[in-house]
Amino acid sequence: MSSSTVSTRYLILIALSGLVGMYLLAPWPGPQAVVHVFIVLGIAPELRKPLHCALLAALAGWILEIAFRTYAGMGGTALGNMICALLLWYSLSIGPPEKPFAYYFQLALAAMLHLALVYLFVSIASGPHLLGYEWQWTLILFPLWGPLAWRFYKPPHMRR
């Protein structure tokens, strides 16, 4: 058996243990979130095939939504997980970092993107909340109001 097969099996075993641990950590949301992000951003991008990466990320999202009972279980977490894990998988495959600091920086950016994507997709899936739909309309219609705002804004070098 090749060393790559063994390491992939260990990754899958660690991922499955993490998924079970994530479900068992349901009473403690803090540690559960750390295990969840570790599975999505630490283990899933290390799998060699993008389909395996997406499936593990989606599975982690669905288990989190099932275990966390006050959460909207409509797939927003799974979708955010898949997009973020695949983006990190792609960025690591086209330009693998040579030093730990570069990897940590990439991972920190992915964690911030993960937070924003999951929040966005869960908010869309669960319907209006305290903020309502205004922020979604603002983002969706940005191509209309952004250029209009640029027309009214004059950079200093264009002013008379």
C-alpha atoms as a PDB file:
ATOM      1  CA  MET A   1       0.000   0.000   0.000  1.00  0.00           C
ATOM      2  CA  SER A   2       1.367   3.424  -0.929  1.00  0.00           C
ATOM      3  CA  SER A   3       1.938   6.119   1.654  1.00  0.00           C
ATOM      4  CA  SER A   4      -0.605   8.395  -0.050  1.00  0.00           C
ATOM      5  CA  THR A   5      -3.332   5.758   0.397  1.00  0.00           C
ATOM      6  CA  VAL A   6      -2.432   5.347   4.054  1.00  0.00           C
ATOM      7  CA  SER A   7      -2.424   9.091   4.688  1.00  0.00           C
ATOM      8  CA  THR A   8      -5.792   9.441   2.905  1.00  0.00           C
ATOM      9  CA  ARG A   9      -7.211   6.678   5.081  1.00  0.00           C
ATOM     10  CA  TYR A  10      -5.925   8.418   8.207  1.00  0.00           C
ATOM     11  CA  LEU A  11      -7.478  11.689   7.045  1.00  0.00           C
ATOM     12  CA  ILE A  12     -10.817   9.982   6.478  1.00  0.00           C
ATOM     13  CA  LEU A  13     -10.605   8.291   9.892  1.00  0.00           C
ATOM     14  CA  ILE A  14      -9.810  11.628  11.560  1.00  0.00           C
ATOM     15  CA  ALA A  15     -12.648  13.292   9.635  1.00  0.00           C
ATOM     16  CA  LEU A  16     -15.164  10.640  10.668  1.00  0.00           C
ATOM     17  CA  SER A  17     -14.023  10.885  14.279  1.00  0.00           C
ATOM     18  CA  GLY A  18     -14.398  14.648  14.058  1.00  0.00           C
ATOM     19  CA  LEU A  19     -17.908  14.341  12.612  1.00  0.00           C
ATOM     20  CA  VAL A  20     -18.950  12.062  15.463  1.00  0.00           C
ATOM     21  CA  GLY A  21     -17.264  14.383  17.943  1.00  0.00           C
ATOM     22  CA  MET A  22     -19.040  17.360  16.424  1.00  0.00           C
ATOM     23  CA  TYR A  23     -22.392  15.692  16.977  1.00  0.00           C
ATOM     24  CA  LEU A  24     -21.481  14.739  20.548  1.00  0.00           C
ATOM     25  CA  LEU A  25     -20.319  18.293  21.292  1.00  0.00           C
ATOM     26  CA  ALA A  26     -23.793  19.698  20.574  1.00  0.00           C
ATOM     27  CA  PRO A  27     -24.299  20.952  24.169  1.00  0.00           C
ATOM     28  CA  TRP A  28     -21.104  23.024  23.862  1.00  0.00           C
ATOM     29  CA  PRO A  29     -21.314  25.241  20.743  1.00  0.00           C
ATOM     30  CA  GLY A  30     -17.829  26.744  21.128  1.00  0.00           C
ATOM     31  CA  PRO A  31     -15.808  23.528  20.890  1.00  0.00           C
ATOM     32  CA  GLN A  32     -18.291  22.228  18.335  1.00  0.00           C
ATOM     33  CA  ALA A  33     -17.582  25.219  16.072  1.00  0.00           C
ATOM     34  CA  VAL A  34     -13.826  24.682  16.373  1.00  0.00           C
ATOM     35  CA  VAL A  35     -14.143  21.010  15.374  1.00  0.00           C
ATOM     36  CA  HIS A  36     -16.478  22.001  12.541  1.00  0.00           C
ATOM     37  CA  VAL A  37     -14.065  24.569  11.098  1.00  0.00           C
ATOM     38  CA  PHE A  38     -11.152  22.154  11.502  1.00  0.00           C
ATOM     39  CA  ILE A  39     -12.997  19.539   9.447  1.00  0.00           C
ATOM     40  CA  VAL A  40     -14.067  22.013   6.758  1.00  0.00           C
ATOM     41  CA  LEU A  41     -10.844  24.005   6.428  1.00  0.00           C
ATOM     42  CA  GLY A  42      -8.226  21.672   7.861  1.00  0.00           C
ATOM     43  CA  ILE A  43      -9.153  18.232   6.591  1.00  0.00           C
ATOM     44  CA  ALA A  44     -11.487  18.601   3.588  1.00  0.00           C
ATOM     45  CA  PRO A  45      -9.041  20.605   1.392  1.00  0.00           C
ATOM     46  CA  GLU A  46      -6.345  17.990   2.034  1.00  0.00           C
ATOM     47  CA  LEU A  47      -8.362  15.296   0.248  1.00  0.00           C
ATOM     48  CA  ARG A  48      -7.060  14.894  -3.290  1.00  0.00           C
ATOM     49  CA  LYS A  49     -10.335  14.996  -5.232  1.00  0.00           C
ATOM     50  CA  PRO A  50     -12.666  18.017  -5.224  1.00  0.00           C
ATOM     51  CA  LEU A  51     -15.754  15.805  -4.967  1.00  0.00           C
ATOM     52  CA  HIS A  52     -14.453  14.233  -1.742  1.00  0.00           C
ATOM     53  CA  CYS A  53     -13.625  17.700  -0.429  1.00  0.00           C
ATOM     54  CA  ALA A  54     -17.132  18.982  -1.172  1.00  0.00           C
ATOM     55  CA  LEU A  55     -18.840  15.900   0.250  1.00  0.00           C
ATOM     56  CA  LEU A  56     -16.934  16.066   3.534  1.00  0.00           C
ATOM     57  CA  ALA A  57     -17.623  19.806   3.862  1.00  0.00           C
ATOM     58  CA  ALA A  58     -21.333  19.315   3.128  1.00  0.00           C
ATOM     59  CA  LEU A  59     -21.549  16.432   5.591  1.00  0.00           C
ATOM     60  CA  ALA A  60     -19.972  18.596   8.290  1.00  0.00           C
ATOM     61  CA  GLY A  61     -22.496  21.331   7.558  1.00  0.00           C
ATOM     62  CA  TRP A  62     -25.477  19.007   7.729  1.00  0.00           C
ATOM     63  CA  ILE A  63     -24.288  17.406  10.963  1.00  0.00           C
ATOM     64  CA  LEU A  64     -23.828  20.850  12.507  1.00  0.00           C
ATOM     65  CA  GLU A  65     -27.342  21.863  11.465  1.00  0.00           C
ATOM     66  CA  ILE A  66     -28.806  18.625  12.819  1.00  0.00           C
ATOM     67  CA  ALA A  67     -26.911  18.774  16.122  1.00  0.00           C
ATOM     68  CA  PHE A  68     -27.410  22.480  16.812  1.00  0.00           C
ATOM     69  CA  ARG A  69     -31.120  22.562  17.524  1.00  0.00           C
ATOM     70  CA  THR A  70     -31.622  26.335  17.536  1.00  0.00           C
ATOM     71  CA  TYR A  71     -30.173  26.621  14.049  1.00  0.00           C
ATOM     72  CA  ALA A  72     -32.033  26.794  10.756  1.00  0.00           C
ATOM     73  CA  GLY A  73     -31.562  23.327   9.244  1.00  0.00           C
ATOM     74  CA  MET A  74     -32.036  24.281   5.616  1.00  0.00           C
ATOM     75  CA  GLY A  75     -28.606  23.696   4.102  1.00  0.00           C
ATOM     76  CA  GLY A  76     -27.037  27.148   4.377  1.00  0.00           C
ATOM     77  CA  THR A  77     -24.118  25.837   6.400  1.00  0.00           C
ATOM     78  CA  ALA A  78     -23.479  22.958   4.013  1.00  0.00           C
ATOM     79  CA  LEU A  79     -23.470  25.281   0.987  1.00  0.00           C
ATOM     80  CA  GLY A  80     -21.120  27.757   2.657  1.00  0.00           C
ATOM     81  CA  ASN A  81     -18.854  24.890   3.727  1.00  0.00           C
ATOM     82  CA  MET A  82     -18.661  23.429   0.231  1.00  0.00           C
ATOM     83  CA  ILE A  83     -17.875  26.741  -1.452  1.00  0.00           C
ATOM     84  CA  CYS A  84     -15.227  27.719   1.088  1.00  0.00           C
ATOM     85  CA  ALA A  85     -13.593  24.279   1.227  1.00  0.00           C
ATOM     86  CA  LEU A  86     -13.438  24.055  -2.570  1.00  0.00           C
ATOM     87  CA  LEU A  87     -11.957  27.554  -2.833  1.00  0.00           C
ATOM     88  CA  LEU A  88      -9.294  26.653  -0.277  1.00  0.00           C
ATOM     89  CA  TRP A  89      -8.668  23.312  -2.033  1.00  0.00           C
ATOM     90  CA  TYR A  90      -8.213  25.137  -5.330  1.00  0.00           C
ATOM     91  CA  SER A  91      -5.924  27.806  -3.905  1.00  0.00           C
ATOM     92  CA  LEU A  92      -3.780  25.169  -2.206  1.00  0.00           C
ATOM     93  CA  SER A  93      -3.607  23.095  -5.388  1.00  0.00           C
ATOM     94  CA  ILE A  94      -2.531  25.924  -7.713  1.00  0.00           C
ATOM     95  CA  GLY A  95      -0.082  27.549  -5.338  1.00  0.00           C
ATOM     96  CA  PRO A  96       0.893  25.442  -2.344  1.00  0.00           C
ATOM     97  CA  PRO A  97       2.460  27.574   0.381  1.00  0.00           C
ATOM     98  CA  GLU A  98       6.120  26.915   1.085  1.00  0.00           C
ATOM     99  CA  LYS A  99       6.229  28.284   4.625  1.00  0.00           C
ATOM    100  CA  PRO A 100       3.871  27.809   7.556  1.00  0.00           C
ATOM    101  CA  PHE A 101       3.157  31.547   7.835  1.00  0.00           C
ATOM    102  CA  ALA A 102       1.804  31.642   4.263  1.00  0.00           C
ATOM    103  CA  TYR A 103      -0.394  28.631   5.008  1.00  0.00           C
ATOM    104  CA  TYR A 104      -1.660  30.188   8.252  1.00  0.00           C
ATOM    105  CA  PHE A 105      -2.426  33.422   6.417  1.00  0.00           C
ATOM    106  CA  GLN A 106      -4.340  31.512   3.740  1.00  0.00           C
ATOM    107  CA  LEU A 107      -6.184  29.571   6.417  1.00  0.00           C
ATOM    108  CA  ALA A 108      -7.089  32.750   8.323  1.00  0.00           C
ATOM    109  CA  LEU A 109      -8.502  34.316   5.163  1.00  0.00           C
ATOM    110  CA  ALA A 110     -10.457  31.129   4.473  1.00  0.00           C
ATOM    111  CA  ALA A 111     -11.821  31.170   8.035  1.00  0.00           C
ATOM    112  CA  MET A 112     -13.066  34.743   7.626  1.00  0.00           C
ATOM    113  CA  LEU A 113     -14.607  33.879   4.260  1.00  0.00           C
ATOM    114  CA  HIS A 114     -16.188  30.786   5.809  1.00  0.00           C
ATOM    115  CA  LEU A 115     -17.773  32.865   8.555  1.00  0.00           C
ATOM    116  CA  ALA A 116     -19.184  35.369   6.073  1.00  0.00           C
ATOM    117  CA  LEU A 117     -20.465  32.729   3.631  1.00  0.00           C
ATOM    118  CA  VAL A 118     -22.126  30.577   6.268  1.00  0.00           C
ATOM    119  CA  TYR A 119     -23.764  33.617   7.846  1.00  0.00           C
ATOM    120  CA  LEU A 120     -24.979  34.787   4.440  1.00  0.00           C
ATOM    121  CA  PHE A 121     -26.396  31.424   3.337  1.00  0.00           C
ATOM    122  CA  VAL A 122     -28.008  30.638   6.693  1.00  0.00           C
ATOM    123  CA  SER A 123     -29.621  34.077   6.707  1.00  0.00           C
ATOM    124  CA  ILE A 124     -30.951  33.556   3.192  1.00  0.00           C
ATOM    125  CA  ALA A 125     -32.221  30.055   4.024  1.00  0.00           C
ATOM    126  CA  SER A 126     -33.928  31.049   7.258  1.00  0.00           C
ATOM    127  CA  GLY A 127     -35.776  34.049   5.845  1.00  0.00           C
ATOM    128  CA  PRO A 128     -36.046  37.557   7.234  1.00  0.00           C
ATOM    129  CA  HIS A 129     -34.749  38.219  10.706  1.00  0.00           C
ATOM    130  CA  LEU A 130     -33.914  41.397  12.637  1.00  0.00           C
ATOM    131  CA  LEU A 131     -32.153  42.912   9.649  1.00  0.00           C
ATOM    132  CA  GLY A 132     -34.908  41.923   7.210  1.00  0.00           C
ATOM    133  CA  TYR A 133     -34.145  41.612   3.528  1.00  0.00           C
ATOM    134  CA  GLU A 134     -32.623  45.086   3.101  1.00  0.00           C
ATOM    135  CA  TRP A 135     -28.999  43.964   3.182  1.00  0.00           C
ATOM    136  CA  GLN A 136     -29.706  41.281   0.569  1.00  0.00           C
ATOM    137  CA  TRP A 137     -31.371  43.783  -1.732  1.00  0.00           C
ATOM    138  CA  THR A 138     -28.453  46.130  -1.242  1.00  0.00           C
ATOM    139  CA  LEU A 139     -25.958  43.476  -2.308  1.00  0.00           C
ATOM    140  CA  ILE A 140     -28.037  42.143  -5.186  1.00  0.00           C
ATOM    141  CA  LEU A 141     -28.670  45.577  -6.669  1.00  0.00           C
ATOM    142  CA  PHE A 142     -25.101  46.805  -6.210  1.00  0.00           C
ATOM    143  CA  PRO A 143     -24.432  46.643  -9.985  1.00  0.00           C
ATOM    144  CA  LEU A 144     -27.195  49.219 -10.405  1.00  0.00           C
ATOM    145  CA  TRP A 145     -26.473  51.658  -7.618  1.00  0.00           C
ATOM    146  CA  GLY A 146     -22.668  51.292  -7.581  1.00  0.00           C
ATOM    147  CA  PRO A 147     -22.061  52.860 -11.018  1.00  0.00           C
ATOM    148  CA  LEU A 148     -24.669  55.510 -10.257  1.00  0.00           C
ATOM    149  CA  ALA A 149     -22.817  56.460  -7.077  1.00  0.00           C
ATOM    150  CA  TRP A 150     -19.566  56.594  -9.063  1.00  0.00           C
ATOM    151  CA  ARG A 151     -21.143  59.128 -11.445  1.00  0.00           C
ATOM    152  CA  PHE A 152     -21.967  61.416  -8.531  1.00  0.00           C
ATOM    153  CA  TYR A 153     -18.586  60.948  -6.895  1.00  0.00           C
ATOM    154  CA  LYS A 154     -15.775  62.931  -8.413  1.00  0.00           C
ATOM    155  CA  PRO A 155     -12.242  61.887  -7.514  1.00  0.00           C
ATOM    156  CA  PRO A 156     -10.013  64.819  -6.498  1.00  0.00           C
ATOM    157  CA  HIS A 157      -8.083  64.807  -9.770  1.00  0.00           C
ATOM    158  CA  MET A 158     -11.321  65.109 -11.789  1.00  0.00           C
ATOM    159  CA  ARG A 159     -12.743  68.091  -9.865  1.00  0.00           C
ATOM    160  CA  ARG A 160     -12.496  71.583 -11.323  1.00  0.00           C
END
